[in-house]
Amino acid sequence: MIDHIKKPILKELEIFKEKLSDFLKTDNPLLSSIYNSIFDENSKQMRVILSLLSAKICGTINEKTYRGAIAIELIHNASLLHDDVIDNSEIRRGKPSMNSLWNNKIAILSGDNLVSKSMSCIIECDNKYILNHY
């Protein structure tokens, strides 16, 4: 079913993946490892799919669309990192959670890092409505 839903935006999803990867590039090996673990191919990315489909239905997918989708995906994953710490979860999506791989401090700070990066995306969108309601 998901494949059918994604069909109209397959090209845009590939562009999104490239833009997310570029946005998350870092010289920090720990952060790089964490990002690779979080944003793997097993992620459904439902929020991204809904963002891109909504934009396509309403007109066009542009750079601001991608930035918004990146921000949403980063916030979502930050909340998962924080939730796993609060819940003492050892497994996320069938794999060891970040807090069980490293520790709670690294998981929390990594989540905070993702929130910070999401704010950067939101600012780049230059949309006063989003900035006023975030």
N, C-alpha and C. Protein backbone atom coordinates (compact mmCIF):
# COMPACT_ATOMS: atom_id res chain seq x y z
N MET A 1 0.82 -1.20 0.00
CA MET A 1 0.00 0.00 0.00
C MET A 1 0.87 1.26 0.00
N ILE A 2 1.92 1.27 0.81
CA ILE A 2 2.81 2.45 0.88
C ILE A 2 3.42 2.72 -0.49
N ASP A 3 3.83 1.67 -1.18
CA ASP A 3 4.44 1.86 -2.51
C ASP A 3 3.46 2.54 -3.46
N HIS A 4 2.20 2.21 -3.36
CA HIS A 4 1.18 2.84 -4.21
C HIS A 4 1.04 4.32 -3.85
N ILE A 5 1.07 4.63 -2.57
CA ILE A 5 0.93 6.01 -2.10
C ILE A 5 2.13 6.85 -2.54
N LYS A 6 3.33 6.24 -2.51
CA LYS A 6 4.56 6.97 -2.86
C LYS A 6 4.74 7.15 -4.37
N LYS A 7 4.03 6.39 -5.16
CA LYS A 7 4.25 6.38 -6.61
C LYS A 7 4.31 7.77 -7.26
N PRO A 8 3.39 8.69 -6.93
CA PRO A 8 3.43 10.01 -7.59
C PRO A 8 4.64 10.87 -7.21
N ILE A 9 5.37 10.48 -6.15
CA ILE A 9 6.47 11.33 -5.68
C ILE A 9 7.79 10.55 -5.56
N LEU A 10 7.94 9.48 -6.29
CA LEU A 10 9.17 8.67 -6.18
C LEU A 10 10.42 9.50 -6.48
N LYS A 11 10.36 10.31 -7.53
CA LYS A 11 11.51 11.15 -7.87
C LYS A 11 11.79 12.15 -6.76
N GLU A 12 10.74 12.76 -6.23
CA GLU A 12 10.89 13.75 -5.17
C GLU A 12 11.42 13.12 -3.88
N LEU A 13 11.04 11.88 -3.59
CA LEU A 13 11.55 11.19 -2.41
C LEU A 13 13.06 10.95 -2.53
N GLU A 14 13.51 10.64 -3.73
CA GLU A 14 14.96 10.46 -3.94
C GLU A 14 15.69 11.80 -3.75
N ILE A 15 15.10 12.86 -4.27
CA ILE A 15 15.68 14.19 -4.07
C ILE A 15 15.72 14.52 -2.59
N PHE A 16 14.63 14.22 -1.88
CA PHE A 16 14.58 14.46 -0.43
C PHE A 16 15.72 13.73 0.27
N LYS A 17 15.91 12.46 -0.04
CA LYS A 17 16.96 11.67 0.61
C LYS A 17 18.34 12.29 0.38
N GLU A 18 18.58 12.76 -0.84
CA GLU A 18 19.86 13.42 -1.15
C GLU A 18 20.01 14.72 -0.34
N LYS A 19 18.93 15.50 -0.28
CA LYS A 19 18.98 16.77 0.45
C LYS A 19 19.15 16.54 1.95
N LEU A 20 18.47 15.54 2.49
CA LEU A 20 18.63 15.21 3.91
C LEU A 20 20.05 14.76 4.19
N SER A 21 20.58 13.92 3.33
CA SER A 21 21.96 13.43 3.50
C SER A 21 22.95 14.59 3.46
N ASP A 22 22.77 15.49 2.50
CA ASP A 22 23.65 16.66 2.40
C ASP A 22 23.52 17.55 3.64
N PHE A 23 22.29 17.72 4.12
CA PHE A 23 22.05 18.58 5.27
C PHE A 23 22.70 18.02 6.53
N LEU A 24 22.76 16.70 6.64
CA LEU A 24 23.28 16.06 7.83
C LEU A 24 24.77 15.73 7.76
N LYS A 25 25.43 16.13 6.68
CA LYS A 25 26.87 15.86 6.58
C LYS A 25 27.60 16.55 7.72
N THR A 26 28.53 15.80 8.31
CA THR A 26 29.30 16.33 9.44
C THR A 26 30.67 15.68 9.47
N ASP A 27 31.62 16.40 10.03
CA ASP A 27 32.97 15.85 10.24
C ASP A 27 33.05 15.09 11.56
N ASN A 28 32.01 15.17 12.36
CA ASN A 28 31.99 14.51 13.66
C ASN A 28 31.62 13.03 13.46
N PRO A 29 32.54 12.10 13.71
CA PRO A 29 32.27 10.69 13.46
C PRO A 29 31.12 10.12 14.30
N LEU A 30 30.98 10.59 15.55
CA LEU A 30 29.89 10.10 16.39
C LEU A 30 28.54 10.54 15.84
N LEU A 31 28.42 11.83 15.51
CA LEU A 31 27.16 12.32 14.94
C LEU A 31 26.86 11.64 13.61
N SER A 32 27.87 11.45 12.80
CA SER A 32 27.70 10.77 11.51
C SER A 32 27.14 9.37 11.72
N SER A 33 27.69 8.66 12.67
CA SER A 33 27.22 7.30 12.98
C SER A 33 25.78 7.32 13.48
N ILE A 34 25.47 8.28 14.34
CA ILE A 34 24.11 8.39 14.87
C ILE A 34 23.13 8.71 13.74
N TYR A 35 23.47 9.68 12.91
CA TYR A 35 22.60 10.03 11.77
C TYR A 35 22.37 8.83 10.87
N ASN A 36 23.43 8.08 10.57
CA ASN A 36 23.29 6.91 9.70
C ASN A 36 22.38 5.87 10.33
N SER A 37 22.44 5.73 11.65
CA SER A 37 21.58 4.76 12.33
C SER A 37 20.12 5.22 12.31
N ILE A 38 19.91 6.49 12.53
CA ILE A 38 18.54 7.01 12.61
C ILE A 38 17.87 7.04 11.24
N PHE A 39 18.59 7.55 10.25
CA PHE A 39 17.99 7.78 8.94
C PHE A 39 18.41 6.68 7.96
N ASP A 40 18.04 5.46 8.30
CA ASP A 40 18.38 4.33 7.43
C ASP A 40 17.24 4.08 6.43
N GLU A 41 17.41 3.07 5.64
CA GLU A 41 16.42 2.77 4.59
C GLU A 41 15.13 2.15 5.13
N ASN A 42 15.12 1.72 6.40
CA ASN A 42 13.93 1.08 6.97
C ASN A 42 12.90 2.07 7.47
N SER A 43 13.26 3.33 7.50
CA SER A 43 12.34 4.35 7.98
C SER A 43 11.20 4.54 6.98
N LYS A 44 9.96 4.59 7.48
CA LYS A 44 8.81 4.76 6.59
C LYS A 44 8.72 6.17 6.04
N GLN A 45 9.15 7.15 6.82
CA GLN A 45 9.11 8.56 6.43
C GLN A 45 7.72 9.03 6.02
N MET A 46 6.72 8.61 6.80
CA MET A 46 5.34 8.97 6.48
C MET A 46 5.13 10.49 6.48
N ARG A 47 5.77 11.19 7.39
CA ARG A 47 5.61 12.64 7.44
C ARG A 47 6.18 13.31 6.20
N VAL A 48 7.28 12.78 5.72
CA VAL A 48 7.89 13.29 4.49
C VAL A 48 6.96 13.03 3.31
N ILE A 49 6.45 11.82 3.23
CA ILE A 49 5.55 11.44 2.14
C ILE A 49 4.32 12.36 2.14
N LEU A 50 3.73 12.57 3.30
CA LEU A 50 2.55 13.43 3.38
C LEU A 50 2.88 14.88 3.02
N SER A 51 4.04 15.35 3.44
CA SER A 51 4.46 16.72 3.10
C SER A 51 4.62 16.89 1.60
N LEU A 52 5.31 15.95 0.98
CA LEU A 52 5.56 16.05 -0.46
C LEU A 52 4.27 15.88 -1.26
N LEU A 53 3.44 14.93 -0.86
CA LEU A 53 2.16 14.75 -1.56
C LEU A 53 1.28 15.99 -1.42
N SER A 54 1.23 16.56 -0.24
CA SER A 54 0.41 17.77 -0.02
C SER A 54 0.89 18.92 -0.89
N ALA A 55 2.20 19.10 -0.95
CA ALA A 55 2.75 20.18 -1.78
C ALA A 55 2.44 19.94 -3.25
N LYS A 56 2.56 18.69 -3.67
CA LYS A 56 2.30 18.38 -5.09
C LYS A 56 0.83 18.61 -5.43
N ILE A 57 -0.06 18.24 -4.53
CA ILE A 57 -1.49 18.43 -4.76
C ILE A 57 -1.83 19.92 -4.82
N CYS A 58 -1.14 20.71 -3.98
CA CYS A 58 -1.43 22.16 -3.90
C CYS A 58 -0.67 22.98 -4.93
N GLY A 59 0.16 22.36 -5.72
CA GLY A 59 0.88 23.14 -6.73
C GLY A 59 2.19 22.51 -7.12
N THR A 60 3.23 22.82 -6.35
CA THR A 60 4.55 22.36 -6.76
C THR A 60 5.42 22.06 -5.54
N ILE A 61 6.38 21.19 -5.75
CA ILE A 61 7.36 20.89 -4.73
C ILE A 61 8.60 21.72 -5.04
N ASN A 62 9.01 22.54 -4.07
CA ASN A 62 10.16 23.41 -4.29
C ASN A 62 11.15 23.26 -3.13
N GLU A 63 12.15 24.10 -3.10
CA GLU A 63 13.19 24.01 -2.06
C GLU A 63 12.60 24.19 -0.66
N LYS A 64 11.64 25.09 -0.52
CA LYS A 64 11.01 25.28 0.79
C LYS A 64 10.25 24.03 1.23
N THR A 65 9.67 23.33 0.28
CA THR A 65 8.98 22.07 0.59
C THR A 65 9.96 21.07 1.18
N TYR A 66 11.12 20.95 0.52
CA TYR A 66 12.12 20.00 1.00
C TYR A 66 12.64 20.41 2.38
N ARG A 67 12.87 21.70 2.57
CA ARG A 67 13.36 22.18 3.87
C ARG A 67 12.32 21.89 4.96
N GLY A 68 11.06 22.13 4.66
CA GLY A 68 10.01 21.84 5.62
C GLY A 68 9.92 20.36 5.94
N ALA A 69 10.04 19.52 4.92
CA ALA A 69 10.00 18.07 5.12
C ALA A 69 11.19 17.60 5.95
N ILE A 70 12.35 18.18 5.71
CA ILE A 70 13.53 17.85 6.51
C ILE A 70 13.29 18.24 7.96
N ALA A 71 12.77 19.44 8.19
CA ALA A 71 12.51 19.91 9.56
C ALA A 71 11.55 18.97 10.27
N ILE A 72 10.50 18.58 9.61
CA ILE A 72 9.51 17.67 10.20
C ILE A 72 10.15 16.33 10.55
N GLU A 73 10.94 15.80 9.65
CA GLU A 73 11.59 14.51 9.88
C GLU A 73 12.60 14.59 11.03
N LEU A 74 13.33 15.69 11.11
CA LEU A 74 14.29 15.86 12.20
C LEU A 74 13.59 15.96 13.55
N ILE A 75 12.51 16.74 13.62
CA ILE A 75 11.77 16.89 14.87
C ILE A 75 11.18 15.54 15.30
N HIS A 76 10.62 14.83 14.36
CA HIS A 76 10.05 13.52 14.66
C HIS A 76 11.10 12.58 15.25
N ASN A 77 12.25 12.52 14.61
CA ASN A 77 13.30 11.62 15.08
C ASN A 77 13.91 12.08 16.39
N ALA A 78 13.99 13.38 16.60
CA ALA A 78 14.45 13.89 17.89
C ALA A 78 13.51 13.43 19.00
N SER A 79 12.22 13.49 18.74
CA SER A 79 11.25 13.06 19.75
C SER A 79 11.39 11.56 20.04
N LEU A 80 11.73 10.78 19.03
CA LEU A 80 11.93 9.34 19.25
C LEU A 80 13.15 9.09 20.12
N LEU A 81 14.23 9.84 19.87
CA LEU A 81 15.43 9.70 20.71
C LEU A 81 15.11 10.03 22.16
N HIS A 82 14.42 11.13 22.36
CA HIS A 82 14.06 11.55 23.71
C HIS A 82 13.10 10.55 24.36
N ASP A 83 12.11 10.07 23.61
CA ASP A 83 11.15 9.10 24.15
C ASP A 83 11.84 7.81 24.60
N ASP A 84 12.80 7.36 23.81
CA ASP A 84 13.51 6.12 24.18
C ASP A 84 14.25 6.27 25.49
N VAL A 85 14.80 7.45 25.74
CA VAL A 85 15.47 7.70 27.02
C VAL A 85 14.45 7.68 28.15
N ILE A 86 13.35 8.41 27.97
CA ILE A 86 12.32 8.49 29.01
C ILE A 86 11.75 7.11 29.32
N ASP A 87 11.52 6.31 28.28
CA ASP A 87 10.91 4.99 28.43
C ASP A 87 11.92 3.88 28.73
N ASN A 88 13.21 4.24 28.78
CA ASN A 88 14.26 3.23 28.93
C ASN A 88 14.17 2.13 27.88
N SER A 89 13.78 2.52 26.66
CA SER A 89 13.65 1.56 25.57
C SER A 89 15.02 1.12 25.08
N GLU A 90 15.14 -0.14 24.82
CA GLU A 90 16.40 -0.67 24.31
C GLU A 90 16.33 -0.97 22.82
N ILE A 91 15.11 -0.99 22.28
CA ILE A 91 14.90 -1.34 20.86
C ILE A 91 14.07 -0.26 20.19
N ARG A 92 14.48 0.12 18.99
CA ARG A 92 13.72 1.05 18.14
C ARG A 92 13.74 0.49 16.73
N ARG A 93 12.55 0.23 16.16
CA ARG A 93 12.45 -0.32 14.80
C ARG A 93 13.25 -1.61 14.66
N GLY A 94 13.21 -2.44 15.69
CA GLY A 94 13.88 -3.74 15.64
C GLY A 94 15.39 -3.70 15.79
N LYS A 95 15.93 -2.52 16.11
CA LYS A 95 17.37 -2.36 16.29
C LYS A 95 17.62 -1.73 17.65
N PRO A 96 18.85 -1.83 18.15
CA PRO A 96 19.15 -1.18 19.43
C PRO A 96 18.91 0.33 19.34
N SER A 97 18.28 0.88 20.37
CA SER A 97 18.04 2.32 20.42
C SER A 97 19.36 3.05 20.65
N MET A 98 19.35 4.35 20.37
CA MET A 98 20.57 5.16 20.53
C MET A 98 21.05 5.16 21.98
N ASN A 99 20.11 5.24 22.92
CA ASN A 99 20.50 5.25 24.32
C ASN A 99 21.08 3.92 24.77
N SER A 100 20.68 2.83 24.13
CA SER A 100 21.27 1.54 24.50
C SER A 100 22.60 1.32 23.78
N LEU A 101 22.76 1.92 22.61
CA LEU A 101 24.04 1.81 21.88
C LEU A 101 25.13 2.65 22.54
N TRP A 102 24.77 3.87 22.95
CA TRP A 102 25.74 4.77 23.56
C TRP A 102 25.35 4.98 25.02
N ASN A 103 24.62 6.03 25.28
CA ASN A 103 24.08 6.26 26.63
C ASN A 103 23.01 7.35 26.54
N ASN A 104 22.34 7.58 27.66
CA ASN A 104 21.25 8.55 27.68
C ASN A 104 21.69 9.96 27.31
N LYS A 105 22.85 10.38 27.80
CA LYS A 105 23.33 11.74 27.51
C LYS A 105 23.54 11.93 26.02
N ILE A 106 24.17 10.97 25.37
CA ILE A 106 24.41 11.09 23.93
C ILE A 106 23.09 11.08 23.17
N ALA A 107 22.15 10.23 23.59
CA ALA A 107 20.85 10.19 22.91
C ALA A 107 20.11 11.51 23.05
N ILE A 108 20.09 12.07 24.26
CA ILE A 108 19.41 13.36 24.49
C ILE A 108 20.08 14.47 23.70
N LEU A 109 21.39 14.55 23.78
CA LEU A 109 22.11 15.61 23.05
C LEU A 109 21.95 15.45 21.54
N SER A 110 21.89 14.22 21.06
CA SER A 110 21.66 13.99 19.63
C SER A 110 20.27 14.45 19.23
N GLY A 111 19.28 14.18 20.08
CA GLY A 111 17.93 14.67 19.83
C GLY A 111 17.88 16.19 19.83
N ASP A 112 18.57 16.79 20.79
CA ASP A 112 18.64 18.26 20.85
C ASP A 112 19.31 18.82 19.60
N ASN A 113 20.33 18.13 19.12
CA ASN A 113 21.01 18.53 17.89
C ASN A 113 20.05 18.51 16.71
N LEU A 114 19.22 17.48 16.65
CA LEU A 114 18.25 17.39 15.55
C LEU A 114 17.22 18.51 15.64
N VAL A 115 16.78 18.84 16.85
CA VAL A 115 15.83 19.96 17.01
C VAL A 115 16.48 21.26 16.54
N SER A 116 17.72 21.47 16.93
CA SER A 116 18.45 22.67 16.51
C SER A 116 18.57 22.74 14.99
N LYS A 117 18.91 21.62 14.38
CA LYS A 117 19.04 21.59 12.92
C LYS A 117 17.68 21.82 12.25
N SER A 118 16.61 21.33 12.88
CA SER A 118 15.28 21.54 12.30
C SER A 118 14.92 23.02 12.32
N MET A 119 15.33 23.72 13.39
CA MET A 119 15.08 25.16 13.46
C MET A 119 15.79 25.89 12.33
N SER A 120 16.99 25.43 12.02
CA SER A 120 17.74 26.01 10.91
C SER A 120 16.96 25.86 9.60
N CYS A 121 16.38 24.69 9.40
CA CYS A 121 15.57 24.46 8.19
C CYS A 121 14.36 25.39 8.15
N ILE A 122 13.70 25.53 9.30
CA ILE A 122 12.51 26.37 9.37
C ILE A 122 12.87 27.83 9.07
N ILE A 123 13.98 28.29 9.61
CA ILE A 123 14.42 29.66 9.34
C ILE A 123 14.71 29.84 7.86
N GLU A 124 15.32 28.83 7.23
CA GLU A 124 15.64 28.91 5.80
C GLU A 124 14.38 28.98 4.94
N CYS A 125 13.26 28.47 5.45
CA CYS A 125 12.01 28.55 4.69
C CYS A 125 11.50 29.98 4.58
N ASP A 126 11.94 30.85 5.53
CA ASP A 126 11.56 32.26 5.53
C ASP A 126 10.05 32.43 5.43
N ASN A 127 9.34 31.68 6.28
CA ASN A 127 7.89 31.74 6.31
C ASN A 127 7.46 32.22 7.70
N LYS A 128 6.92 33.42 7.77
CA LYS A 128 6.58 34.01 9.06
C LYS A 128 5.50 33.20 9.78
N TYR A 129 4.58 32.59 9.06
CA TYR A 129 3.55 31.79 9.70
C TYR A 129 4.17 30.63 10.46
N ILE A 130 5.09 29.91 9.81
CA ILE A 130 5.75 28.78 10.46
C ILE A 130 6.55 29.27 11.65
N LEU A 131 7.31 30.34 11.48
CA LEU A 131 8.13 30.85 12.57
C LEU A 131 7.29 31.30 13.75
N ASN A 132 6.13 31.91 13.49
CA ASN A 132 5.27 32.38 14.57
C ASN A 132 4.52 31.26 15.29
N HIS A 133 4.36 30.11 14.64
CA HIS A 133 3.57 29.02 15.21
C HIS A 133 4.39 27.80 15.58
N TYR A 134 5.68 27.89 15.52
CA TYR A 134 6.52 26.73 15.84
C TYR A 134 6.90 26.73 17.29
